[in-house]
Amino acid sequence: MVKKLLLFILLVSFSIAFATEIPSPNITIFDNSTQIQKIVFYNNGNLNLKGFNGPGSIEIYSIIGNKISDTIVQELANIQLSYSLETRSMYIIRVITEKEVETFKIITP
């Protein structure tokens, strides 16, 4: 029994002596502080978009999925479009750019 215990200790210490260092995992840290916040809101009959750039398309859907409007614009930066939407209703706004498609939900006042 003592021989087996000594053999076990010898093997464990031998394996520890020749063990290689375990590589640390590659960790990537993303800094989201430079990301521009995109905002879509409806006020006084105007649909306002902030945080978008470049050409794109703005689609407005009712909450049940009926397309109400589809507008193509050359520049989405700080755009204000006039729409007559029903008060106290919910709409889905879909903003399509060259790089992405984003969806927003708005409730008209």
C-alpha atoms as a PDB file:
ATOM      1  CA  MET A   1       0.000   0.000   0.000  1.00  0.00           C
ATOM      2  CA  VAL A   2       2.855   2.361   0.874  1.00  0.00           C
ATOM      3  CA  LYS A   3       4.583   1.495  -2.411  1.00  0.00           C
ATOM      4  CA  LYS A   4       1.442   2.393  -4.363  1.00  0.00           C
ATOM      5  CA  LEU A   5       1.108   5.669  -2.479  1.00  0.00           C
ATOM      6  CA  LEU A   6       4.749   6.570  -3.146  1.00  0.00           C
ATOM      7  CA  LEU A   7       4.373   5.664  -6.815  1.00  0.00           C
ATOM      8  CA  PHE A   8       1.257   7.829  -7.060  1.00  0.00           C
ATOM      9  CA  ILE A   9       3.026  10.811  -5.440  1.00  0.00           C
ATOM     10  CA  LEU A  10       6.018  10.336  -7.725  1.00  0.00           C
ATOM     11  CA  LEU A  11       3.832  10.241 -10.858  1.00  0.00           C
ATOM     12  CA  VAL A  12       1.831  13.292  -9.799  1.00  0.00           C
ATOM     13  CA  SER A  13       4.925  15.346  -8.981  1.00  0.00           C
ATOM     14  CA  PHE A  14       6.582  14.197 -12.237  1.00  0.00           C
ATOM     15  CA  SER A  15       3.542  15.276 -14.298  1.00  0.00           C
ATOM     16  CA  ILE A  16       3.421  18.632 -12.482  1.00  0.00           C
ATOM     17  CA  ALA A  17       7.116  19.212 -13.117  1.00  0.00           C
ATOM     18  CA  PHE A  18       6.725  18.732 -16.875  1.00  0.00           C
ATOM     19  CA  ALA A  19       3.339  20.395 -17.244  1.00  0.00           C
ATOM     20  CA  THR A  20       3.149  23.242 -19.702  1.00  0.00           C
ATOM     21  CA  GLU A  21       1.489  26.521 -18.936  1.00  0.00           C
ATOM     22  CA  ILE A  22      -2.179  26.636 -19.835  1.00  0.00           C
ATOM     23  CA  PRO A  23      -2.720  29.432 -22.353  1.00  0.00           C
ATOM     24  CA  SER A  24      -5.065  32.170 -21.261  1.00  0.00           C
ATOM     25  CA  PRO A  25      -8.234  32.553 -23.354  1.00  0.00           C
ATOM     26  CA  ASN A  26      -8.388  35.329 -25.912  1.00  0.00           C
ATOM     27  CA  ILE A  27     -10.656  38.032 -24.568  1.00  0.00           C
ATOM     28  CA  THR A  28     -12.022  40.769 -26.803  1.00  0.00           C
ATOM     29  CA  ILE A  29     -13.453  43.865 -25.188  1.00  0.00           C
ATOM     30  CA  PHE A  30     -15.896  45.945 -27.188  1.00  0.00           C
ATOM     31  CA  ASP A  31     -16.231  49.624 -26.420  1.00  0.00           C
ATOM     32  CA  ASN A  32     -19.818  50.599 -27.165  1.00  0.00           C
ATOM     33  CA  SER A  33     -19.312  54.201 -26.094  1.00  0.00           C
ATOM     34  CA  THR A  34     -18.763  55.273 -29.714  1.00  0.00           C
ATOM     35  CA  GLN A  35     -22.017  53.754 -30.935  1.00  0.00           C
ATOM     36  CA  ILE A  36     -24.567  56.372 -31.995  1.00  0.00           C
ATOM     37  CA  GLN A  37     -27.982  56.074 -30.401  1.00  0.00           C
ATOM     38  CA  LYS A  38     -30.810  55.879 -32.932  1.00  0.00           C
ATOM     39  CA  ILE A  39     -34.113  57.504 -32.023  1.00  0.00           C
ATOM     40  CA  VAL A  40     -37.487  57.520 -33.784  1.00  0.00           C
ATOM     41  CA  PHE A  41     -40.402  59.505 -32.350  1.00  0.00           C
ATOM     42  CA  TYR A  42     -43.682  61.081 -33.479  1.00  0.00           C
ATOM     43  CA  ASN A  43     -44.712  64.532 -32.278  1.00  0.00           C
ATOM     44  CA  ASN A  44     -47.119  67.190 -33.617  1.00  0.00           C
ATOM     45  CA  GLY A  45     -47.754  65.325 -36.875  1.00  0.00           C
ATOM     46  CA  ASN A  46     -44.058  64.787 -37.630  1.00  0.00           C
ATOM     47  CA  LEU A  47     -42.020  61.596 -37.601  1.00  0.00           C
ATOM     48  CA  ASN A  48     -38.495  62.409 -36.420  1.00  0.00           C
ATOM     49  CA  LEU A  49     -35.412  60.218 -36.943  1.00  0.00           C
ATOM     50  CA  LYS A  50     -32.057  60.849 -35.272  1.00  0.00           C
ATOM     51  CA  GLY A  51     -28.808  58.903 -35.407  1.00  0.00           C
ATOM     52  CA  PHE A  52     -29.112  57.552 -38.946  1.00  0.00           C
ATOM     53  CA  ASN A  53     -26.838  58.363 -41.881  1.00  0.00           C
ATOM     54  CA  GLY A  54     -26.937  57.937 -45.637  1.00  0.00           C
ATOM     55  CA  PRO A  55     -29.757  57.071 -48.006  1.00  0.00           C
ATOM     56  CA  GLY A  56     -32.550  54.782 -46.954  1.00  0.00           C
ATOM     57  CA  SER A  57     -36.187  53.923 -46.764  1.00  0.00           C
ATOM     58  CA  ILE A  58     -38.764  54.518 -44.030  1.00  0.00           C
ATOM     59  CA  GLU A  59     -41.753  52.196 -43.820  1.00  0.00           C
ATOM     60  CA  ILE A  60     -44.714  52.701 -41.485  1.00  0.00           C
ATOM     61  CA  TYR A  61     -46.948  49.770 -40.521  1.00  0.00           C
ATOM     62  CA  SER A  62     -50.040  49.581 -38.356  1.00  0.00           C
ATOM     63  CA  ILE A  63     -49.761  47.289 -35.351  1.00  0.00           C
ATOM     64  CA  ILE A  64     -51.628  44.568 -37.266  1.00  0.00           C
ATOM     65  CA  GLY A  65     -49.107  44.695 -40.116  1.00  0.00           C
ATOM     66  CA  ASN A  66     -50.808  46.838 -42.764  1.00  0.00           C
ATOM     67  CA  LYS A  67     -48.318  49.033 -44.626  1.00  0.00           C
ATOM     68  CA  ILE A  68     -49.339  52.667 -44.293  1.00  0.00           C
ATOM     69  CA  SER A  69     -46.421  54.427 -45.956  1.00  0.00           C
ATOM     70  CA  ASP A  70     -43.126  53.773 -47.715  1.00  0.00           C
ATOM     71  CA  THR A  71     -40.776  56.729 -48.215  1.00  0.00           C
ATOM     72  CA  ILE A  72     -37.346  56.704 -49.856  1.00  0.00           C
ATOM     73  CA  VAL A  73     -34.976  59.474 -48.744  1.00  0.00           C
ATOM     74  CA  GLN A  74     -31.509  60.495 -49.897  1.00  0.00           C
ATOM     75  CA  GLU A  75     -30.255  61.385 -46.411  1.00  0.00           C
ATOM     76  CA  LEU A  76     -31.589  59.996 -43.130  1.00  0.00           C
ATOM     77  CA  ALA A  77     -29.550  62.285 -40.852  1.00  0.00           C
ATOM     78  CA  ASN A  78     -31.920  64.173 -38.514  1.00  0.00           C
ATOM     79  CA  ILE A  79     -34.886  63.867 -40.842  1.00  0.00           C
ATOM     80  CA  GLN A  80     -38.392  65.089 -40.070  1.00  0.00           C
ATOM     81  CA  LEU A  81     -41.322  63.834 -42.159  1.00  0.00           C
ATOM     82  CA  SER A  82     -44.921  64.965 -41.922  1.00  0.00           C
ATOM     83  CA  TYR A  83     -47.460  62.138 -41.490  1.00  0.00           C
ATOM     84  CA  SER A  84     -51.047  62.165 -40.363  1.00  0.00           C
ATOM     85  CA  LEU A  85     -51.297  59.225 -37.958  1.00  0.00           C
ATOM     86  CA  GLU A  86     -54.229  58.425 -35.678  1.00  0.00           C
ATOM     87  CA  THR A  87     -53.852  59.593 -32.107  1.00  0.00           C
ATOM     88  CA  ARG A  88     -53.330  57.057 -29.326  1.00  0.00           C
ATOM     89  CA  SER A  89     -52.404  54.313 -31.775  1.00  0.00           C
ATOM     90  CA  MET A  90     -49.375  52.057 -32.046  1.00  0.00           C
ATOM     91  CA  TYR A  91     -47.223  51.862 -35.188  1.00  0.00           C
ATOM     92  CA  ILE A  92     -44.158  49.973 -36.332  1.00  0.00           C
ATOM     93  CA  ILE A  93     -41.475  52.098 -38.023  1.00  0.00           C
ATOM     94  CA  ARG A  94     -38.952  50.233 -40.132  1.00  0.00           C
ATOM     95  CA  VAL A  95     -35.806  52.108 -41.179  1.00  0.00           C
ATOM     96  CA  ILE A  96     -33.822  50.435 -43.962  1.00  0.00           C
ATOM     97  CA  THR A  97     -30.289  51.613 -44.761  1.00  0.00           C
ATOM     98  CA  GLU A  98     -27.529  50.140 -46.914  1.00  0.00           C
ATOM     99  CA  LYS A  99     -26.022  48.401 -43.882  1.00  0.00           C
ATOM    100  CA  GLU A 100     -28.946  47.477 -41.647  1.00  0.00           C
ATOM    101  CA  VAL A 101     -32.676  47.250 -41.048  1.00  0.00           C
ATOM    102  CA  GLU A 102     -33.976  48.535 -37.724  1.00  0.00           C
ATOM    103  CA  THR A 103     -37.490  48.370 -36.338  1.00  0.00           C
ATOM    104  CA  PHE A 104     -39.057  50.747 -33.815  1.00  0.00           C
ATOM    105  CA  LYS A 105     -42.421  50.822 -32.083  1.00  0.00           C
ATOM    106  CA  ILE A 106     -44.081  54.180 -31.483  1.00  0.00           C
ATOM    107  CA  ILE A 107     -47.294  55.223 -29.787  1.00  0.00           C
ATOM    108  CA  THR A 108     -48.847  58.433 -31.049  1.00  0.00           C
ATOM    109  CA  PRO A 109     -49.895  60.982 -28.390  1.00  0.00           C
END
